[in-house]
Protein backbone atom coordinates (compact mmCIF):
# COMPACT_ATOMS: atom_id res chain seq x y z
CA MET A 1 35.83 -72.72 61.07
CA THR A 2 33.80 -69.84 62.52
CA ILE A 3 32.10 -67.81 59.81
CA TYR A 4 31.05 -64.25 60.60
CA ASP A 5 28.68 -62.01 58.66
CA VAL A 6 30.12 -59.01 56.84
CA THR A 7 28.03 -56.82 59.15
CA ASP A 8 30.13 -58.04 62.10
CA GLN A 9 32.55 -55.52 63.64
CA ARG A 10 35.43 -57.89 62.82
CA PHE A 11 34.97 -57.17 59.10
CA LYS A 12 35.69 -53.46 59.42
CA LYS A 13 39.48 -53.84 59.36
CA TYR A 14 39.25 -55.82 56.10
CA GLY A 15 36.62 -53.87 54.17
CA ARG A 16 33.15 -52.39 54.07
CA VAL A 17 29.71 -53.16 52.71
CA VAL A 18 28.95 -51.00 49.64
CA LYS A 19 25.48 -49.53 50.14
CA ASP A 20 25.12 -46.59 47.75
CA ILE A 21 25.05 -48.47 44.42
CA ASP A 22 22.33 -50.64 42.83
CA PHE A 23 23.89 -54.00 41.93
CA SER A 24 20.67 -55.79 40.95
CA GLN A 25 21.40 -55.85 37.18
CA LEU A 26 24.94 -57.09 37.78
CA VAL A 27 23.68 -59.87 40.03
CA LYS A 28 21.10 -60.87 37.41
CA ALA A 29 23.75 -60.94 34.65
CA LEU A 30 26.02 -63.12 36.78
CA GLU A 31 23.15 -65.51 37.44
CA GLU A 32 22.07 -65.78 33.81
CA LYS A 33 25.20 -65.26 31.70
CA THR A 34 28.15 -66.77 33.59
CA PRO A 35 29.03 -70.45 34.17
CA LEU A 36 29.20 -72.42 37.41
CA PRO A 37 32.04 -74.93 36.94
CA GLU A 38 33.01 -77.77 39.27
CA GLY A 39 36.40 -76.12 39.84
CA VAL A 40 37.10 -72.39 40.05
CA VAL A 41 37.27 -70.06 37.05
CA TYR A 42 38.32 -66.40 37.05
CA GLU A 43 37.77 -63.98 34.19
CA PRO A 44 39.18 -60.48 34.83
CA SER A 45 37.13 -58.58 32.23
CA VAL A 46 33.75 -59.54 30.73
CA LYS A 47 32.02 -57.32 28.16
CA GLU A 48 28.49 -58.35 29.18
CA LEU A 49 29.17 -57.15 32.72
CA GLU A 50 31.06 -54.02 31.72
CA SER A 51 28.23 -52.90 29.43
CA LEU A 52 25.88 -52.50 32.39
CA PRO A 53 25.17 -48.99 33.79
CA VAL A 54 26.77 -49.99 37.11
CA PHE A 55 30.17 -50.04 35.38
CA GLU A 56 30.32 -46.25 35.09
CA GLU A 57 28.97 -45.79 38.60
CA LEU A 58 31.63 -48.08 40.06
CA ARG A 59 34.34 -46.40 38.03
CA ASP A 60 33.33 -42.91 39.08
CA LYS A 61 32.28 -43.49 42.71
CA THR A 62 34.45 -46.29 44.06
CA TYR A 63 37.60 -45.79 41.97
CA GLY A 64 37.54 -42.01 41.57
CA GLU A 65 37.23 -42.18 37.75
CA LEU A 66 40.19 -44.53 37.27
CA PRO A 67 39.79 -47.13 34.49
CA ILE A 68 38.33 -50.37 35.88
CA GLN A 69 37.38 -53.88 34.82
CA ILE A 70 34.51 -56.13 35.89
CA GLY A 71 34.94 -59.87 35.73
CA TYR A 72 33.88 -62.84 37.82
CA CYS A 73 35.15 -65.67 39.98
CA ASN A 74 32.74 -68.64 39.90
CA GLY A 75 32.79 -72.28 40.86
CA HIS A 76 33.08 -74.65 43.78
CA ASN A 77 35.69 -74.24 46.52
CA GLU A 78 36.11 -74.87 50.24
CA LEU A 79 39.87 -74.32 50.71
CA LEU A 80 42.15 -71.32 51.18
CA ASN A 81 45.11 -72.56 48.99
CA ALA A 82 46.81 -69.13 48.82
CA VAL A 83 46.45 -65.46 49.67
CA GLU A 84 46.87 -62.48 47.39
CA TYR A 85 46.76 -58.71 47.71
CA HIS A 86 46.72 -55.73 45.35
CA ARG A 87 47.75 -52.08 45.52
CA SER A 88 44.07 -51.23 45.30
CA SER A 89 40.72 -52.16 46.78
CA GLU A 90 38.68 -54.92 45.18
CA ILE A 91 34.88 -54.87 44.95
CA ASN A 92 33.16 -58.25 45.26
CA VAL A 93 29.45 -58.57 44.38
CA ALA A 94 27.82 -61.83 45.43
CA ALA A 95 25.25 -63.35 43.04
CA THR A 96 25.04 -66.32 45.44
CA ASP A 97 25.88 -66.62 49.09
CA ALA A 98 29.69 -66.76 49.27
CA ILE A 99 32.41 -66.87 51.91
CA LEU A 100 35.65 -64.88 51.92
CA ILE A 101 38.64 -65.95 54.03
CA LEU A 102 40.54 -62.78 54.92
CA GLY A 103 43.77 -61.76 56.60
CA TRP A 104 45.85 -58.64 57.10
CA GLN A 105 48.86 -57.73 54.99
CA GLN A 106 50.54 -56.15 58.02
CA ASP A 107 50.88 -59.65 59.56
CA ILE A 108 53.14 -60.93 56.76
CA THR A 109 56.61 -61.53 58.21
CA GLU A 110 59.84 -60.01 56.89
CA ASP A 111 60.65 -63.30 55.13
CA PHE A 112 57.20 -63.29 53.48
CA THR A 113 55.51 -66.03 55.47
CA TYR A 114 52.03 -65.79 56.94
CA ASP A 115 50.28 -67.91 59.57
CA THR A 116 46.86 -69.04 58.33
CA ALA A 117 45.64 -69.20 61.96
CA LEU A 118 45.33 -65.39 61.79
CA MET A 119 42.66 -65.50 59.08
CA GLU A 120 38.91 -65.02 59.55
CA ALA A 121 35.97 -66.07 57.36
CA PHE A 122 32.99 -63.89 56.41
CA LEU A 123 29.68 -64.66 54.70
CA ILE A 124 28.63 -62.34 51.88
CA PRO A 125 24.87 -62.86 51.39
CA LYS A 126 23.50 -62.98 47.86
CA GLY A 127 23.01 -59.48 46.47
CA THR A 128 25.59 -57.91 48.79
CA ALA A 129 28.66 -56.00 47.59
CA VAL A 130 31.79 -55.46 49.65
CA GLU A 131 34.93 -53.43 49.19
CA VAL A 132 37.96 -55.51 50.22
CA TYR A 133 40.72 -53.08 51.14
CA ALA A 134 44.15 -53.23 49.51
CA THR A 135 45.70 -54.34 52.82
CA SER A 136 43.40 -57.38 53.05
CA LEU A 137 44.72 -60.80 52.11
CA HIS A 138 42.17 -62.83 50.16
CA TYR A 139 41.83 -65.45 47.44
CA ALA A 140 39.03 -67.31 45.65
CA PRO A 141 35.68 -67.25 47.46
CA CYS A 142 34.20 -70.40 48.95
CA GLY A 143 30.70 -71.79 48.56
CA VAL A 144 28.28 -72.40 51.41
CA LYS A 145 27.76 -76.04 52.48
CA GLY A 146 29.17 -77.41 49.23
CA GLU A 147 27.13 -75.14 46.98
CA GLY A 148 28.71 -73.25 44.12
CA PHE A 149 29.38 -69.51 44.15
CA LYS A 150 29.19 -66.65 41.65
CA VAL A 151 30.98 -63.42 42.56
CA ALA A 152 31.68 -60.35 40.41
CA VAL A 153 35.21 -58.98 40.82
CA VAL A 154 35.87 -55.27 40.18
CA LEU A 155 39.47 -54.03 40.02
CA PRO A 156 41.57 -51.36 38.29
CA ALA A 157 41.95 -52.15 34.59
CA GLY A 158 44.83 -54.48 33.82
CA THR A 159 44.90 -56.21 37.20
CA ASN A 160 45.63 -59.96 37.11
CA TYR A 161 46.83 -59.90 33.51
CA PRO A 162 50.15 -61.53 32.48
CA LEU A 163 53.38 -59.79 33.46
CA ASP A 164 55.75 -58.12 30.97
CA LYS A 165 58.89 -58.61 33.07
CA ALA A 166 60.52 -61.13 35.41
CA HIS A 167 60.28 -60.44 39.14
CA LYS A 168 62.73 -61.83 41.69
CA GLY A 169 63.86 -61.16 45.24
CA GLY A 170 62.13 -59.57 48.23
CA GLU A 171 58.47 -58.69 47.86
CA ASP A 172 59.00 -58.60 44.11
CA LYS A 173 59.12 -62.42 44.05
CA LEU A 174 55.47 -62.50 45.17
CA ILE A 175 54.27 -60.82 41.97
CA THR A 176 52.53 -63.40 39.77
CA ALA A 177 50.42 -61.08 37.59
CA LYS A 178 49.92 -57.35 37.14
CA ASN A 179 48.93 -55.74 40.45
CA LYS A 180 48.89 -59.18 42.13
CA TRP A 181 51.15 -60.34 44.98
CA LEU A 182 50.63 -63.98 46.02
CA ILE A 183 51.72 -66.26 48.86
CA GLY A 184 50.82 -69.92 48.40
CA HIS A 185 50.27 -72.95 50.62
CA GLU A 186 52.24 -76.12 49.88
CA GLU A 187 48.93 -78.00 49.54
CA GLY A 188 47.41 -75.34 47.30
CA GLY A 189 48.20 -76.91 43.92
CA LEU A 190 49.69 -73.68 42.58
CA ASP A 191 51.84 -73.17 39.50
CA GLU A 192 55.54 -73.90 39.78
CA GLY A 193 57.50 -70.82 40.79
CA CYS A 194 54.84 -69.36 43.11
CA HIS A 195 56.19 -68.31 46.49
CA ILE A 196 55.12 -70.86 49.12
CA GLY A 197 54.93 -69.00 52.41
CA LEU A 198 51.66 -69.89 54.13
CA ILE A 199 52.33 -71.77 57.35
CA GLY A 200 49.74 -73.71 59.30
CA LYS A 201 46.67 -75.45 57.94
CA ASN A 202 45.31 -74.99 54.45
CA LEU A 203 42.03 -73.70 55.85
CA ASN A 204 38.75 -75.45 55.03
CA ILE A 205 35.59 -73.44 55.68
CA ASN A 206 33.72 -76.66 56.53
CA GLU A 207 36.03 -77.53 59.44
């Protein structure tokens, strides 16, 4: 699979590189205080990360003073497995080199299927932060050449927490957590009840 850098023109429809904020303390905290499991682990809100000065800067500058949360997605992964989107941008800060596989929400069909052949992969170098726009399909990052990854995930507060109500029918059936719409691949190993709508290969960044 071709992997582009986030500085490539192709990335501009999916997001932008965040250049006006110092992420060095956040990267250091991710390196020193978060695990690197064999699988993939996601924590939506972590006090040690949210106590850093960058928390207020991200809240005020990138989310216009809306309440936010800082967590992480760490581990080892080389597959797509699913795509998700939010009604908000997501900030990803790479504490290791990491790869994002991205698509465009506008390419989801009326019956909520999506062809994985439309997706593109981008390398986020260590120390780099990107804003992934709300219209960008994404999922867990991938490591580089089998290495693990550590990525901070910044989202509006409450995102990815358990739902309070049942959701069925139309786009509503894609909602699997608060502010999270998900389309899975049949080979993705997802929880029962997730909408399986990815067609084509379950992409592998090493192929």
